[in-house]
Structure formats: C-alpha cells, structure tokens
Amino acid sequence: MNPKIIITCAITGAGDTVGKHPSIPVTPEEIATSALEAASAGAAIVHCHVRDPETGKGARHVHLYREAMERIRAKNTDVIINFTAGMGGDLQIGLGESPRDFDEDQTDLVGPIERLLHVDELRPEICTLDCGSLNFGDTGGIVVQTPIQLREQAQLIRSYGVKPEMEIFDSGNLWFAKQMCAEDLVDEPPMFQLCLGIPWGAPVNTQTMAYMVGELPDNSVWAGFGIGRMQMPMVAQAALLGGHVRVGLEDNLYLERGVYGSNASLTERAVEILRLMGSAVASPDEARDILGLERR
C-alpha cells in the first residue's frame, strides 16, 4: 500500500440524482460548500461538475464553474480542484429504424475547444479526460470521445498547464490512454482514474481492478472507485493494490444501507477505512508532490 493515500471526493456529478437524495449539491454555492466540507473531512482533491441551478441537470457553463471555484478558494486555498471535462460528449441515438433522429434535448455534442472552455478560462490544477466512448446505461445514450478528439483535448489541456486525470471506463479506454502516454501527449507522471461499475463499462470487482492495475504504465499514479454500494469496498481494494481512492455523491448516495451519505461523511468513512488499514491520508500539498503539481 502507499504510505500516503490521496482521497478525491466527487461532489455532485451530472447524473439523475436530484430528488433521489435529500441534499444533492446543485447550485454553485451548494457545490462549493459541500466541497469545503469534504476537504475538511480529509479529501485532498475535490472533483467538481456543475448543474443548472433551475433544473438540477448537468451543465457546462463557465460562469457556474467560476462561481464554484471562487467560493471554494475564498475559504480554502489548499484543496486541489479537479474539474470535469466530460460534459459535451452526449449523443442520444434515435429509436427503432430512425437512429439518425438524435434526441436534441438529451444530445450535447461539442468539439474539444468548447468542451474545455472552463478549463482554459479558470485553469484548475486537474481536469478529467475520459479516454473512450461508452454505451451509457440501457437507454440510447452514448458518451462520445473519439481518438482524434482525445488527442486534441490532451494537447489543449497540456497547453493550459493543467494535469489530465485520465478516466478509464473499460479496457479499451486504458489501451488508448497508454497510447497517448506513448505518444508523449501526457506529462509524467500520468494520472489514471479507474471507474468501475458504470453500465456498460468495466464491472466492479476485484478481478477487474487488479487486471487494470496490471496494465498501467510503471510510472503511473492511479486511483480507483466503485459506484453504489461498492464504493467503500473499492476504497479498501484500491488501497490494497497500491492506488489512491475516490468517494462522493457523484458515485454513491448512501453511507450505509438506508442512511443517506454526504460528501463529508463519505470522505470521513474513507479516512476511517484507510487508517484502520494502516495508511495515512495525504494532505493537498502531499498530493501535489505525488502528482507532480505546482501550487497555483
């Protein structure tokens, strides 16, 4: 196990969780407050999506990211901010014999520059880079990231001075992420996030995580997580395999059966698990050293 383990807390995500939990962060103020609580509980990194304050649905407006960042930084200059760059790749295929009749209300498909506008303008220390396309659940939805787009995004992220967290949803994603490393599109040490349990990507179990870890480049820094009730078991599993961990309401709504979690309580539970396993939790500056980041 790592002597110091980085905890990332994924604050809200973009999924259909509003109304399924009594206090999903929606507004920039709520997102920032929840991120600050997670940081106080032990998260070195807060991974932030934003949502439309009126509808609660996932959004990618720069002003929402700016407000969330400014509210976090007004009270905490230490925690590492990680913005998603996953929005803008949603394609909803038409039903039946009309697959080209894309559902415009659920399709949000833009190019690499527009997809990274908030990263360019706000320069968080980390942003995500989802490393492949994926059938997302049992609807007609596909999350689209082509190799051409990903190479361009990687080059843009580097030009902004931001570190990409390469999110891996399946084995092909990992294969291509390694190819980007081989093509020198990603600065060392490369940072990977193994995302397990999202239908229909990689299943969430010990064998899958161990396989992916075995395929990582030797100089990698990696974390892994499982969704839903597998969130805390995968905290222990990632730690045992030498990785870092992620928790938060983006991936799991419950602290335990029948008990709603919060970003703070989920982070506290991860801290407890790691300490019982004999590992210390990395501070933000210790995480920067591990990841090769320069404080902004």
C-alpha atoms as a PDB file:
ATOM      1  CA  MET A   1       0.000   0.000   0.000  1.00  0.00           C
ATOM      2  CA  ASN A   2       1.000   3.596  -0.490  1.00  0.00           C
ATOM      3  CA  PRO A   3       2.222   5.244   2.713  1.00  0.00           C
ATOM      4  CA  LYS A   4       0.125   8.303   1.815  1.00  0.00           C
ATOM      5  CA  ILE A   5      -3.177   7.817   0.018  1.00  0.00           C
ATOM      6  CA  ILE A   6      -4.929  10.645  -1.823  1.00  0.00           C
ATOM      7  CA  ILE A   7      -8.679  10.897  -1.317  1.00  0.00           C
ATOM      8  CA  THR A   8     -10.667  12.512  -4.116  1.00  0.00           C
ATOM      9  CA  CYS A   9     -14.249  13.483  -3.362  1.00  0.00           C
ATOM     10  CA  ALA A  10     -16.555  13.665  -6.408  1.00  0.00           C
ATOM     11  CA  ILE A  11     -19.062  16.264  -5.269  1.00  0.00           C
ATOM     12  CA  THR A  12     -22.181  16.060  -7.433  1.00  0.00           C
ATOM     13  CA  GLY A  13     -21.722  14.577 -10.932  1.00  0.00           C
ATOM     14  CA  ALA A  14     -24.251  15.086 -13.703  1.00  0.00           C
ATOM     15  CA  GLY A  15     -26.450  12.047 -13.155  1.00  0.00           C
ATOM     16  CA  ASP A  16     -30.168  11.927 -12.428  1.00  0.00           C
ATOM     17  CA  THR A  17     -29.736  12.011  -8.660  1.00  0.00           C
ATOM     18  CA  VAL A  18     -31.645  15.186  -7.757  1.00  0.00           C
ATOM     19  CA  GLY A  19     -34.776  14.001  -5.964  1.00  0.00           C
ATOM     20  CA  LYS A  20     -33.196  10.654  -5.139  1.00  0.00           C
ATOM     21  CA  HIS A  21     -31.246  12.176  -2.242  1.00  0.00           C
ATOM     22  CA  PRO A  22     -32.391  14.987   0.057  1.00  0.00           C
ATOM     23  CA  SER A  23     -29.356  17.212  -0.431  1.00  0.00           C
ATOM     24  CA  ILE A  24     -27.598  16.731  -3.758  1.00  0.00           C
ATOM     25  CA  PRO A  25     -25.500  19.868  -4.350  1.00  0.00           C
ATOM     26  CA  VAL A  26     -26.983  21.789  -7.281  1.00  0.00           C
ATOM     27  CA  THR A  27     -26.114  25.483  -7.130  1.00  0.00           C
ATOM     28  CA  PRO A  28     -22.506  26.707  -7.234  1.00  0.00           C
ATOM     29  CA  GLU A  29     -22.867  27.737  -3.581  1.00  0.00           C
ATOM     30  CA  GLU A  30     -24.080  24.258  -2.590  1.00  0.00           C
ATOM     31  CA  ILE A  31     -21.323  22.591  -4.623  1.00  0.00           C
ATOM     32  CA  ALA A  32     -18.655  24.801  -3.066  1.00  0.00           C
ATOM     33  CA  THR A  33     -19.999  24.302   0.466  1.00  0.00           C
ATOM     34  CA  SER A  34     -20.059  20.534   0.026  1.00  0.00           C
ATOM     35  CA  ALA A  35     -16.549  20.565  -1.464  1.00  0.00           C
ATOM     36  CA  LEU A  36     -15.268  22.561   1.502  1.00  0.00           C
ATOM     37  CA  GLU A  37     -16.870  20.091   3.912  1.00  0.00           C
ATOM     38  CA  ALA A  38     -15.236  17.183   2.074  1.00  0.00           C
ATOM     39  CA  ALA A  39     -11.868  18.931   2.203  1.00  0.00           C
ATOM     40  CA  SER A  40     -12.243  19.467   5.958  1.00  0.00           C
ATOM     41  CA  ALA A  41     -13.049  15.762   6.300  1.00  0.00           C
ATOM     42  CA  GLY A  42      -9.826  14.701   4.561  1.00  0.00           C
ATOM     43  CA  ALA A  43     -10.218  14.994   0.784  1.00  0.00           C
ATOM     44  CA  ALA A  44      -7.082  16.368  -0.875  1.00  0.00           C
ATOM     45  CA  ILE A  45      -8.884  16.728  -4.224  1.00  0.00           C
ATOM     46  CA  VAL A  46     -12.450  17.833  -4.945  1.00  0.00           C
ATOM     47  CA  HIS A  47     -13.782  16.729  -8.320  1.00  0.00           C
ATOM     48  CA  CYS A  48     -16.476  19.141  -9.476  1.00  0.00           C
ATOM     49  CA  HIS A  49     -19.241  19.083 -12.036  1.00  0.00           C
ATOM     50  CA  VAL A  50     -21.766  21.907 -12.130  1.00  0.00           C
ATOM     51  CA  ARG A  51     -25.523  21.768 -12.578  1.00  0.00           C
ATOM     52  CA  ASP A  52     -28.187  24.084 -13.922  1.00  0.00           C
ATOM     53  CA  PRO A  53     -29.470  25.782 -10.753  1.00  0.00           C
ATOM     54  CA  GLU A  54     -33.044  25.780 -12.068  1.00  0.00           C
ATOM     55  CA  THR A  55     -33.357  22.230 -13.414  1.00  0.00           C
ATOM     56  CA  GLY A  56     -30.667  20.395 -11.475  1.00  0.00           C
ATOM     57  CA  LYS A  57     -29.389  18.802 -14.669  1.00  0.00           C
ATOM     58  CA  GLY A  58     -25.709  18.641 -15.558  1.00  0.00           C
ATOM     59  CA  ALA A  59     -24.326  21.783 -17.188  1.00  0.00           C
ATOM     60  CA  ARG A  60     -21.027  23.083 -18.536  1.00  0.00           C
ATOM     61  CA  HIS A  61     -21.424  26.872 -18.304  1.00  0.00           C
ATOM     62  CA  VAL A  62     -18.188  28.656 -17.478  1.00  0.00           C
ATOM     63  CA  HIS A  63     -19.844  31.124 -15.088  1.00  0.00           C
ATOM     64  CA  LEU A  64     -21.123  28.266 -12.923  1.00  0.00           C
ATOM     65  CA  TYR A  65     -17.638  26.759 -12.668  1.00  0.00           C
ATOM     66  CA  ARG A  66     -16.191  30.194 -11.939  1.00  0.00           C
ATOM     67  CA  GLU A  67     -18.595  30.820  -9.084  1.00  0.00           C
ATOM     68  CA  ALA A  68     -17.980  27.395  -7.563  1.00  0.00           C
ATOM     69  CA  MET A  69     -14.202  27.834  -7.792  1.00  0.00           C
ATOM     70  CA  GLU A  70     -14.263  31.343  -6.342  1.00  0.00           C
ATOM     71  CA  ARG A  71     -16.418  30.211  -3.425  1.00  0.00           C
ATOM     72  CA  ILE A  72     -14.052  27.311  -2.690  1.00  0.00           C
ATOM     73  CA  ARG A  73     -10.937  29.450  -2.963  1.00  0.00           C
ATOM     74  CA  ALA A  74     -12.416  32.191  -0.765  1.00  0.00           C
ATOM     75  CA  LYS A  75     -12.303  29.766   2.172  1.00  0.00           C
ATOM     76  CA  ASN A  76      -9.718  27.155   1.212  1.00  0.00           C
ATOM     77  CA  THR A  77      -6.609  27.784  -0.875  1.00  0.00           C
ATOM     78  CA  ASP A  78      -5.100  24.365  -0.176  1.00  0.00           C
ATOM     79  CA  VAL A  79      -7.512  21.791  -1.603  1.00  0.00           C
ATOM     80  CA  ILE A  80      -6.817  20.697  -5.196  1.00  0.00           C
ATOM     81  CA  ILE A  81      -9.649  21.477  -7.614  1.00  0.00           C
ATOM     82  CA  ASN A  82     -10.375  18.965 -10.366  1.00  0.00           C
ATOM     83  CA  PHE A  83     -12.972  19.999 -12.949  1.00  0.00           C
ATOM     84  CA  THR A  84     -14.738  17.508 -15.137  1.00  0.00           C
ATOM     85  CA  ALA A  85     -14.281  17.844 -18.884  1.00  0.00           C
ATOM     86  CA  GLY A  86     -16.728  15.030 -19.550  1.00  0.00           C
ATOM     87  CA  MET A  87     -19.669  17.239 -20.470  1.00  0.00           C
ATOM     88  CA  GLY A  88     -20.287  17.875 -24.158  1.00  0.00           C
ATOM     89  CA  GLY A  89     -19.934  14.309 -25.382  1.00  0.00           C
ATOM     90  CA  ASP A  90     -23.517  13.079 -25.025  1.00  0.00           C
ATOM     91  CA  LEU A  91     -25.251  11.593 -28.054  1.00  0.00           C
ATOM     92  CA  GLN A  92     -28.783  10.202 -27.791  1.00  0.00           C
ATOM     93  CA  ILE A  93     -29.433   7.843 -30.700  1.00  0.00           C
ATOM     94  CA  GLY A  94     -32.891   7.817 -32.260  1.00  0.00           C
ATOM     95  CA  LEU A  95     -35.120   4.834 -31.598  1.00  0.00           C
ATOM     96  CA  GLY A  96     -36.099   1.947 -33.841  1.00  0.00           C
ATOM     97  CA  GLU A  97     -35.433   2.443 -37.531  1.00  0.00           C
ATOM     98  CA  SER A  98     -34.509   6.114 -37.118  1.00  0.00           C
ATOM     99  CA  PRO A  99     -31.137   6.056 -35.361  1.00  0.00           C
ATOM    100  CA  ARG A 100     -30.114   9.349 -37.018  1.00  0.00           C
ATOM    101  CA  ASP A 101     -33.038  11.158 -35.399  1.00  0.00           C
ATOM    102  CA  PHE A 102     -30.950  12.205 -32.425  1.00  0.00           C
ATOM    103  CA  ASP A 103     -32.883  13.349 -29.366  1.00  0.00           C
ATOM    104  CA  GLU A 104     -31.844  17.007 -29.332  1.00  0.00           C
ATOM    105  CA  ASP A 105     -32.944  17.523 -25.718  1.00  0.00           C
ATOM    106  CA  GLN A 106     -30.549  14.827 -24.495  1.00  0.00           C
ATOM    107  CA  THR A 107     -27.750  15.357 -27.028  1.00  0.00           C
ATOM    108  CA  ASP A 108     -24.926  17.732 -26.123  1.00  0.00           C
ATOM    109  CA  LEU A 109     -22.104  17.199 -28.577  1.00  0.00           C
ATOM    110  CA  VAL A 110     -19.393  19.836 -28.976  1.00  0.00           C
ATOM    111  CA  GLY A 111     -15.766  19.978 -30.094  1.00  0.00           C
ATOM    112  CA  PRO A 112     -12.650  19.823 -27.930  1.00  0.00           C
ATOM    113  CA  ILE A 113     -12.150  23.595 -27.607  1.00  0.00           C
ATOM    114  CA  GLU A 114     -15.711  24.269 -26.454  1.00  0.00           C
ATOM    115  CA  ARG A 115     -15.627  21.228 -24.215  1.00  0.00           C
ATOM    116  CA  LEU A 116     -12.615  22.703 -22.425  1.00  0.00           C
ATOM    117  CA  LEU A 117     -13.657  26.372 -22.269  1.00  0.00           C
ATOM    118  CA  HIS A 118     -13.969  26.336 -18.473  1.00  0.00           C
ATOM    119  CA  VAL A 119     -10.590  24.651 -18.126  1.00  0.00           C
ATOM    120  CA  ASP A 120      -8.956  27.244 -20.374  1.00  0.00           C
ATOM    121  CA  GLU A 121     -10.511  30.200 -18.582  1.00  0.00           C
ATOM    122  CA  LEU A 122     -10.218  29.008 -14.973  1.00  0.00           C
ATOM    123  CA  ARG A 123      -7.100  26.781 -15.025  1.00  0.00           C
ATOM    124  CA  PRO A 124      -7.864  24.267 -12.281  1.00  0.00           C
ATOM    125  CA  GLU A 125      -4.907  22.124 -11.286  1.00  0.00           C
ATOM    126  CA  ILE A 126      -6.552  18.982 -12.724  1.00  0.00           C
ATOM    127  CA  CYS A 127      -9.277  18.231 -15.241  1.00  0.00           C
ATOM    128  CA  THR A 128     -10.636  14.902 -16.400  1.00  0.00           C
ATOM    129  CA  LEU A 129     -10.022  13.289 -19.767  1.00  0.00           C
ATOM    130  CA  ASP A 130     -12.493  10.452 -20.426  1.00  0.00           C
ATOM    131  CA  CYS A 131     -10.479   8.084 -22.576  1.00  0.00           C
ATOM    132  CA  GLY A 132     -13.035   6.467 -24.855  1.00  0.00           C
ATOM    133  CA  SER A 133     -16.635   6.165 -25.975  1.00  0.00           C
ATOM    134  CA  LEU A 134     -19.147   4.176 -23.944  1.00  0.00           C
ATOM    135  CA  ASN A 135     -22.688   2.829 -24.086  1.00  0.00           C
ATOM    136  CA  PHE A 136     -24.110   4.594 -21.049  1.00  0.00           C
ATOM    137  CA  GLY A 137     -26.817   2.540 -19.371  1.00  0.00           C
ATOM    138  CA  ASP A 138     -29.839   0.958 -21.028  1.00  0.00           C
ATOM    139  CA  THR A 139     -31.028   3.988 -22.973  1.00  0.00           C
ATOM    140  CA  GLY A 140     -29.956   5.108 -26.443  1.00  0.00           C
ATOM    141  CA  GLY A 141     -27.275   7.272 -24.916  1.00  0.00           C
ATOM    142  CA  ILE A 142     -23.623   7.101 -25.944  1.00  0.00           C
ATOM    143  CA  VAL A 143     -20.806   9.125 -24.421  1.00  0.00           C
ATOM    144  CA  VAL A 144     -18.541  10.016 -27.345  1.00  0.00           C
ATOM    145  CA  GLN A 145     -14.780  10.539 -27.225  1.00  0.00           C
ATOM    146  CA  THR A 146     -13.004   9.614 -30.457  1.00  0.00           C
ATOM    147  CA  PRO A 147      -9.234   9.102 -30.707  1.00  0.00           C
ATOM    148  CA  ILE A 148      -8.900  12.271 -32.801  1.00  0.00           C
ATOM    149  CA  GLN A 149     -10.843  14.296 -30.234  1.00  0.00           C
ATOM    150  CA  LEU A 150      -8.895  12.837 -27.323  1.00  0.00           C
ATOM    151  CA  ARG A 151      -5.520  13.633 -28.837  1.00  0.00           C
ATOM    152  CA  GLU A 152      -6.623  17.217 -29.428  1.00  0.00           C
ATOM    153  CA  GLN A 153      -8.021  17.513 -25.913  1.00  0.00           C
ATOM    154  CA  ALA A 154      -4.794  16.163 -24.421  1.00  0.00           C
ATOM    155  CA  GLN A 155      -2.774  18.751 -26.358  1.00  0.00           C
ATOM    156  CA  LEU A 156      -5.107  21.559 -25.281  1.00  0.00           C
ATOM    157  CA  ILE A 157      -5.028  20.503 -21.627  1.00  0.00           C
ATOM    158  CA  ARG A 158      -1.224  20.489 -21.700  1.00  0.00           C
ATOM    159  CA  SER A 159      -1.188  23.958 -23.297  1.00  0.00           C
ATOM    160  CA  TYR A 160      -3.336  25.261 -20.421  1.00  0.00           C
ATOM    161  CA  GLY A 161      -0.845  23.957 -17.858  1.00  0.00           C
ATOM    162  CA  VAL A 162      -3.448  21.594 -16.374  1.00  0.00           C
ATOM    163  CA  LYS A 163      -2.907  17.944 -15.466  1.00  0.00           C
ATOM    164  CA  PRO A 164      -5.296  15.451 -17.089  1.00  0.00           C
ATOM    165  CA  GLU A 165      -6.850  12.780 -14.922  1.00  0.00           C
ATOM    166  CA  MET A 166      -7.431  10.040 -17.486  1.00  0.00           C
ATOM    167  CA  GLU A 167     -10.725   8.378 -16.620  1.00  0.00           C
ATOM    168  CA  ILE A 168     -10.851   4.715 -17.584  1.00  0.00           C
ATOM    169  CA  PHE A 169     -14.269   3.111 -18.010  1.00  0.00           C
ATOM    170  CA  ASP A 170     -13.204  -0.036 -19.852  1.00  0.00           C
ATOM    171  CA  SER A 171     -10.119  -1.893 -21.050  1.00  0.00           C
ATOM    172  CA  GLY A 172     -10.118  -0.185 -24.449  1.00  0.00           C
ATOM    173  CA  ASN A 173     -10.048   3.191 -22.686  1.00  0.00           C
ATOM    174  CA  LEU A 174      -6.918   2.081 -20.857  1.00  0.00           C
ATOM    175  CA  TRP A 175      -5.305   0.834 -24.056  1.00  0.00           C
ATOM    176  CA  PHE A 176      -5.817   4.223 -25.706  1.00  0.00           C
ATOM    177  CA  ALA A 177      -4.726   6.181 -22.631  1.00  0.00           C
ATOM    178  CA  LYS A 178      -1.461   4.234 -22.678  1.00  0.00           C
ATOM    179  CA  GLN A 179      -1.114   5.079 -26.374  1.00  0.00           C
ATOM    180  CA  MET A 180      -1.429   8.787 -25.565  1.00  0.00           C
ATOM    181  CA  CYS A 181       1.319   8.349 -22.982  1.00  0.00           C
ATOM    182  CA  ALA A 182       3.485   6.591 -25.575  1.00  0.00           C
ATOM    183  CA  GLU A 183       2.893   9.492 -27.979  1.00  0.00           C
ATOM    184  CA  ASP A 184       4.051  11.953 -25.295  1.00  0.00           C
ATOM    185  CA  LEU A 185       0.678  13.688 -25.128  1.00  0.00           C
ATOM    186  CA  VAL A 186       0.554  13.408 -21.333  1.00  0.00           C
ATOM    187  CA  ASP A 187       3.140  14.740 -18.894  1.00  0.00           C
ATOM    188  CA  GLU A 188       4.688  12.445 -16.316  1.00  0.00           C
ATOM    189  CA  PRO A 189       3.635  11.040 -14.008  1.00  0.00           C
ATOM    190  CA  PRO A 190       0.440  10.076 -15.863  1.00  0.00           C
ATOM    191  CA  MET A 191      -2.668  10.122 -13.658  1.00  0.00           C
ATOM    192  CA  PHE A 192      -5.336   7.454 -14.100  1.00  0.00           C
ATOM    193  CA  GLN A 193      -8.768   7.041 -12.510  1.00  0.00           C
ATOM    194  CA  LEU A 194     -10.222   3.506 -12.800  1.00  0.00           C
ATOM    195  CA  CYS A 195     -14.014   3.893 -12.950  1.00  0.00           C
ATOM    196  CA  LEU A 196     -15.793   0.621 -12.172  1.00  0.00           C
ATOM    197  CA  GLY A 197     -19.450  -0.295 -12.255  1.00  0.00           C
ATOM    198  CA  ILE A 198     -20.861   2.213 -14.750  1.00  0.00           C
ATOM    199  CA  PRO A 199     -23.198   0.305 -17.101  1.00  0.00           C
ATOM    200  CA  TRP A 200     -21.897  -0.813 -19.602  1.00  0.00           C
ATOM    201  CA  GLY A 201     -18.264  -0.280 -18.860  1.00  0.00           C
ATOM    202  CA  ALA A 202     -15.911  -2.237 -16.640  1.00  0.00           C
ATOM    203  CA  PRO A 203     -17.631  -4.318 -13.937  1.00  0.00           C
ATOM    204  CA  VAL A 204     -16.879  -3.501 -10.326  1.00  0.00           C
ATOM    205  CA  ASN A 205     -14.966  -6.357  -8.759  1.00  0.00           C
ATOM    206  CA  THR A 206     -11.517  -7.302  -7.529  1.00  0.00           C
ATOM    207  CA  GLN A 207     -10.525  -9.099 -10.719  1.00  0.00           C
ATOM    208  CA  THR A 208     -11.298  -6.132 -12.962  1.00  0.00           C
ATOM    209  CA  MET A 209      -9.428  -3.633 -10.823  1.00  0.00           C
ATOM    210  CA  ALA A 210      -6.432  -5.954 -10.489  1.00  0.00           C
ATOM    211  CA  TYR A 211      -6.357  -6.536 -14.264  1.00  0.00           C
ATOM    212  CA  MET A 212      -6.421  -2.800 -14.986  1.00  0.00           C
ATOM    213  CA  VAL A 213      -3.724  -2.068 -12.424  1.00  0.00           C
ATOM    214  CA  GLY A 214      -1.533  -4.707 -14.061  1.00  0.00           C
ATOM    215  CA  GLU A 215      -1.877  -2.913 -17.406  1.00  0.00           C
ATOM    216  CA  LEU A 216      -0.884   0.545 -16.146  1.00  0.00           C
ATOM    217  CA  PRO A 217       2.454   2.098 -17.101  1.00  0.00           C
ATOM    218  CA  ASP A 218       5.091   1.657 -14.404  1.00  0.00           C
ATOM    219  CA  ASN A 219       5.342   5.369 -13.632  1.00  0.00           C
ATOM    220  CA  SER A 220       1.592   5.874 -13.161  1.00  0.00           C
ATOM    221  CA  VAL A 221      -0.237   7.473 -10.297  1.00  0.00           C
ATOM    222  CA  TRP A 222      -3.664   5.882 -10.140  1.00  0.00           C
ATOM    223  CA  ALA A 223      -6.870   5.829  -8.168  1.00  0.00           C
ATOM    224  CA  GLY A 224      -9.939   3.667  -8.450  1.00  0.00           C
ATOM    225  CA  PHE A 225     -13.543   3.639  -7.356  1.00  0.00           C
ATOM    226  CA  GLY A 226     -16.740   1.629  -7.499  1.00  0.00           C
ATOM    227  CA  ILE A 227     -20.246   3.029  -7.699  1.00  0.00           C
ATOM    228  CA  GLY A 228     -23.174   2.495  -5.359  1.00  0.00           C
ATOM    229  CA  ARG A 229     -22.780   0.031  -2.514  1.00  0.00           C
ATOM    230  CA  MET A 230     -19.360  -0.959  -3.846  1.00  0.00           C
ATOM    231  CA  GLN A 231     -17.858   2.454  -3.112  1.00  0.00           C
ATOM    232  CA  MET A 232     -16.329   1.599   0.252  1.00  0.00           C
ATOM    233  CA  PRO A 233     -15.228  -1.952  -0.666  1.00  0.00           C
ATOM    234  CA  MET A 234     -13.339  -0.445  -3.601  1.00  0.00           C
ATOM    235  CA  VAL A 235     -11.689   2.080  -1.270  1.00  0.00           C
ATOM    236  CA  ALA A 236     -10.139  -0.887   0.527  1.00  0.00           C
ATOM    237  CA  GLN A 237      -9.403  -2.713  -2.730  1.00  0.00           C
ATOM    238  CA  ALA A 238      -7.657   0.239  -4.377  1.00  0.00           C
ATOM    239  CA  ALA A 239      -5.576   0.796  -1.262  1.00  0.00           C
ATOM    240  CA  LEU A 240      -4.509  -2.867  -1.144  1.00  0.00           C
ATOM    241  CA  LEU A 241      -3.444  -2.712  -4.793  1.00  0.00           C
ATOM    242  CA  GLY A 242      -1.288   0.366  -4.214  1.00  0.00           C
ATOM    243  CA  GLY A 243      -3.613   3.052  -5.509  1.00  0.00           C
ATOM    244  CA  HIS A 244      -5.443   6.131  -4.324  1.00  0.00           C
ATOM    245  CA  VAL A 245      -9.206   6.395  -3.785  1.00  0.00           C
ATOM    246  CA  ARG A 246     -12.338   8.296  -4.718  1.00  0.00           C
ATOM    247  CA  VAL A 247     -15.640   8.676  -2.888  1.00  0.00           C
ATOM    248  CA  GLY A 248     -18.530  11.132  -3.082  1.00  0.00           C
ATOM    249  CA  LEU A 249     -22.145  11.692  -4.030  1.00  0.00           C
ATOM    250  CA  GLU A 250     -21.395  11.562  -7.746  1.00  0.00           C
ATOM    251  CA  ASP A 251     -20.896   7.818  -7.421  1.00  0.00           C
ATOM    252  CA  ASN A 252     -22.906   6.770  -4.374  1.00  0.00           C
ATOM    253  CA  LEU A 253     -25.784   8.259  -2.359  1.00  0.00           C
ATOM    254  CA  TYR A 254     -25.594   6.164   0.803  1.00  0.00           C
ATOM    255  CA  LEU A 255     -23.244   5.951   3.758  1.00  0.00           C
ATOM    256  CA  GLU A 256     -24.725   2.577   4.599  1.00  0.00           C
ATOM    257  CA  ARG A 257     -27.947   0.723   3.889  1.00  0.00           C
ATOM    258  CA  GLY A 258     -30.867   3.117   4.353  1.00  0.00           C
ATOM    259  CA  VAL A 259     -28.669   6.008   5.517  1.00  0.00           C
ATOM    260  CA  TYR A 260     -28.031   8.857   3.113  1.00  0.00           C
ATOM    261  CA  GLY A 261     -24.439   9.990   2.866  1.00  0.00           C
ATOM    262  CA  SER A 262     -22.938  13.414   2.389  1.00  0.00           C
ATOM    263  CA  ASN A 263     -19.642  14.245   0.783  1.00  0.00           C
ATOM    264  CA  ALA A 264     -18.210  14.897   4.234  1.00  0.00           C
ATOM    265  CA  SER A 265     -19.491  11.648   5.770  1.00  0.00           C
ATOM    266  CA  LEU A 266     -18.359   9.556   2.786  1.00  0.00           C
ATOM    267  CA  THR A 267     -14.912  11.129   2.996  1.00  0.00           C
ATOM    268  CA  GLU A 268     -14.788  10.523   6.749  1.00  0.00           C
ATOM    269  CA  ARG A 269     -15.664   6.862   6.187  1.00  0.00           C
ATOM    270  CA  ALA A 270     -12.856   6.514   3.636  1.00  0.00           C
ATOM    271  CA  VAL A 271     -10.409   8.113   6.084  1.00  0.00           C
ATOM    272  CA  GLU A 272     -11.512   5.624   8.738  1.00  0.00           C
ATOM    273  CA  ILE A 273     -11.058   2.637   6.405  1.00  0.00           C
ATOM    274  CA  LEU A 274      -7.601   3.750   5.296  1.00  0.00           C
ATOM    275  CA  ARG A 275      -6.381   4.426   8.801  1.00  0.00           C
ATOM    276  CA  LEU A 276      -7.651   1.039  10.013  1.00  0.00           C
ATOM    277  CA  MET A 277      -5.686  -0.491   7.135  1.00  0.00           C
ATOM    278  CA  GLY A 278      -2.545   1.270   8.335  1.00  0.00           C
ATOM    279  CA  SER A 279      -2.272   4.023   5.689  1.00  0.00           C
ATOM    280  CA  ALA A 280      -2.085   7.759   6.230  1.00  0.00           C
ATOM    281  CA  VAL A 281      -4.203  10.200   4.255  1.00  0.00           C
ATOM    282  CA  ALA A 282      -2.354  12.650   2.003  1.00  0.00           C
ATOM    283  CA  SER A 283      -2.748  16.367   2.540  1.00  0.00           C
ATOM    284  CA  PRO A 284      -3.279  18.567  -0.527  1.00  0.00           C
ATOM    285  CA  ASP A 285       0.407  19.523  -0.648  1.00  0.00           C
ATOM    286  CA  GLU A 286       1.456  15.889  -0.250  1.00  0.00           C
ATOM    287  CA  ALA A 287      -0.919  15.054  -3.101  1.00  0.00           C
ATOM    288  CA  ARG A 288       0.738  17.753  -5.222  1.00  0.00           C
ATOM    289  CA  ASP A 289       4.116  16.158  -4.608  1.00  0.00           C
ATOM    290  CA  ILE A 290       2.770  12.732  -5.601  1.00  0.00           C
ATOM    291  CA  LEU A 291       1.108  14.073  -8.748  1.00  0.00           C
ATOM    292  CA  GLY A 292       3.853  16.469  -9.809  1.00  0.00           C
ATOM    293  CA  LEU A 293       1.639  19.559  -9.471  1.00  0.00           C
ATOM    294  CA  GLU A 294       2.720  23.100  -8.792  1.00  0.00           C
ATOM    295  CA  ARG A 295       0.531  25.026  -6.379  1.00  0.00           C
ATOM    296  CA  ARG A 296      -1.446  27.765  -8.153  1.00  0.00           C
END
